[in-house]
Amino acid sequence: MKNVVLENIGKLSDVTDKLFEKEKLGLTGMEISINNLAANEGNPFVHTHQQNEELYIVIKGSGVFYADGEEFGVQEGSLIRVEPEAERAIAAGDQGMTYICIQAAKGSLKQYTMTDGKLSDSKASWM
């Protein structure tokens, strides 16, 4: 497959700590990490970014998100978009938490599915 990179990381629950995928997948417009936090564990630091906004997607569990001096609960299904300059951190609750974090330069998305996607001219059918 010349236009596709596939990596199977296995079960998300088997990921220990944090798994960065930019280099492994050859990503050029974003960074992605898969993260597992044990029960009542959190990131050991509050941080900001210079250019990248982040999207946190909670896949399993629940916890607390810290942003600019405020805390709020998050759980499976929560999507949290964070501006680059916002101070942020995340911590798991009693059951632990699995989440995905995607980073991309703020303002870099020029097109999206509705304006960038196009149907193939190929006569081949799929499924």
Protein backbone atom coordinates (compact mmCIF):
# COMPACT_ATOMS: atom_id res chain seq x y z
CA MET A 1 0.00 0.00 0.00
CA LYS A 2 1.98 2.97 -1.20
CA ASN A 3 -0.34 5.67 0.21
CA VAL A 4 -1.16 4.09 3.57
CA VAL A 5 0.80 3.38 6.75
CA LEU A 6 -0.73 0.80 9.08
CA GLU A 7 0.37 0.11 12.61
CA ASN A 8 -1.43 -2.19 15.02
CA ILE A 9 -0.70 -1.23 18.60
CA GLY A 10 -2.87 -4.00 20.01
CA LYS A 11 -5.40 -3.46 22.75
CA LEU A 12 -5.54 0.10 24.05
CA SER A 13 -5.71 -1.32 27.55
CA ASP A 14 -2.26 -2.88 27.02
CA VAL A 15 -0.62 0.49 26.29
CA THR A 16 1.57 1.41 29.22
CA ASP A 17 1.69 5.10 30.07
CA LYS A 18 1.90 7.04 26.76
CA LEU A 19 2.49 5.98 23.17
CA PHE A 20 3.47 8.67 20.61
CA GLU A 21 2.67 7.81 16.98
CA LYS A 22 3.98 10.73 14.85
CA GLU A 23 7.26 9.09 13.86
CA LYS A 24 5.91 5.54 13.53
CA LEU A 25 3.11 6.65 11.19
CA GLY A 26 5.06 9.37 9.38
CA LEU A 27 2.49 12.01 10.33
CA THR A 28 3.24 15.42 8.81
CA GLY A 29 0.33 17.57 9.98
CA MET A 30 -0.44 16.29 13.47
CA GLU A 31 0.82 14.39 16.48
CA ILE A 32 -1.22 11.70 18.19
CA SER A 33 -0.67 9.90 21.46
CA ILE A 34 -2.51 7.03 23.11
CA ASN A 35 -2.51 7.34 26.89
CA ASN A 36 -3.39 5.11 29.82
CA LEU A 37 -3.54 6.51 33.31
CA ALA A 38 -3.82 4.16 36.27
CA ALA A 39 -6.45 4.82 38.93
CA ASN A 40 -5.97 8.21 40.57
CA GLU A 41 -2.87 8.90 38.45
CA GLY A 42 -2.31 12.11 36.51
CA ASN A 43 0.18 13.87 34.31
CA PRO A 44 2.99 15.06 36.59
CA PHE A 45 3.04 18.54 35.05
CA VAL A 46 0.86 21.41 33.87
CA HIS A 47 1.84 22.52 30.37
CA THR A 48 1.07 24.82 27.45
CA HIS A 49 2.03 24.75 23.78
CA GLN A 50 3.55 27.36 21.51
CA GLN A 51 1.52 26.58 18.37
CA ASN A 52 -0.49 23.39 18.75
CA GLU A 53 -4.07 23.11 19.87
CA GLU A 54 -4.96 19.74 21.38
CA LEU A 55 -8.00 17.51 21.27
CA TYR A 56 -8.37 15.01 24.11
CA ILE A 57 -10.77 12.11 23.45
CA VAL A 58 -11.64 10.03 26.52
CA ILE A 59 -12.09 6.43 25.36
CA LYS A 60 -12.53 4.67 28.70
CA GLY A 61 -12.88 5.64 32.34
CA SER A 62 -13.23 9.06 33.89
CA GLY A 63 -11.25 11.72 35.69
CA VAL A 64 -10.59 15.41 36.03
CA PHE A 65 -9.27 17.91 33.49
CA TYR A 66 -7.43 21.05 34.62
CA ALA A 67 -7.44 24.11 32.34
CA ASP A 68 -6.36 27.63 33.24
CA GLY A 69 -6.98 27.22 36.96
CA GLU A 70 -10.31 25.41 36.65
CA GLU A 71 -11.10 21.71 37.05
CA PHE A 72 -13.99 19.79 35.51
CA GLY A 73 -15.01 16.15 35.24
CA VAL A 74 -14.48 14.12 32.08
CA GLN A 75 -15.59 10.60 31.20
CA GLU A 76 -15.84 8.17 28.30
CA GLY A 77 -17.06 10.15 25.31
CA SER A 78 -15.69 13.52 26.47
CA LEU A 79 -13.98 15.63 23.79
CA ILE A 80 -11.86 18.49 25.13
CA ARG A 81 -10.34 21.06 22.73
CA VAL A 82 -7.59 23.17 24.26
CA GLU A 83 -6.04 26.39 22.89
CA PRO A 84 -2.23 26.36 22.65
CA GLU A 85 -1.71 28.93 25.42
CA ALA A 86 -4.07 27.27 27.91
CA GLU A 87 -2.43 25.63 30.91
CA ARG A 88 -3.64 22.03 31.02
CA ALA A 89 -3.32 18.70 32.79
CA ILE A 90 -5.43 15.55 33.13
CA ALA A 91 -5.88 12.97 35.89
CA ALA A 92 -7.74 9.67 36.10
CA GLY A 93 -10.40 8.77 38.64
CA ASP A 94 -10.81 5.56 40.64
CA GLN A 95 -11.13 3.34 37.55
CA GLY A 96 -8.24 4.78 35.53
CA MET A 97 -8.59 6.38 32.13
CA THR A 98 -7.65 5.76 28.50
CA TYR A 99 -7.57 8.74 26.16
CA ILE A 100 -6.23 9.84 22.81
CA CYS A 101 -4.61 13.24 22.37
CA ILE A 102 -4.28 14.82 18.92
CA GLN A 103 -2.14 17.93 18.35
CA ALA A 104 -2.12 20.15 15.28
CA ALA A 105 -1.01 23.72 14.64
CA LYS A 106 -3.85 26.11 15.44
CA GLY A 107 -5.40 27.50 12.26
CA SER A 108 -3.65 25.02 9.96
CA LEU A 109 -6.76 23.15 8.78
CA LYS A 110 -7.57 24.64 5.39
CA GLN A 111 -10.18 22.10 4.31
CA TYR A 112 -12.10 19.32 6.00
CA THR A 113 -14.23 16.38 4.95
CA MET A 114 -17.04 18.46 3.44
CA THR A 115 -14.69 20.62 1.34
CA ASP A 116 -11.63 18.41 0.89
CA GLY A 117 -13.15 14.96 0.31
CA LYS A 118 -14.17 13.83 -3.16
CA LEU A 119 -15.68 10.63 -4.47
CA SER A 120 -13.35 8.43 -6.49
CA ASP A 121 -13.80 8.26 -10.26
CA SER A 122 -12.85 4.59 -10.08
CA LYS A 123 -15.44 2.12 -11.40
CA ALA A 124 -14.34 -0.36 -8.75
CA SER A 125 -16.91 -1.02 -6.06
CA TRP A 126 -16.13 -1.73 -2.49
CA MET A 127 -18.21 -3.96 -0.28
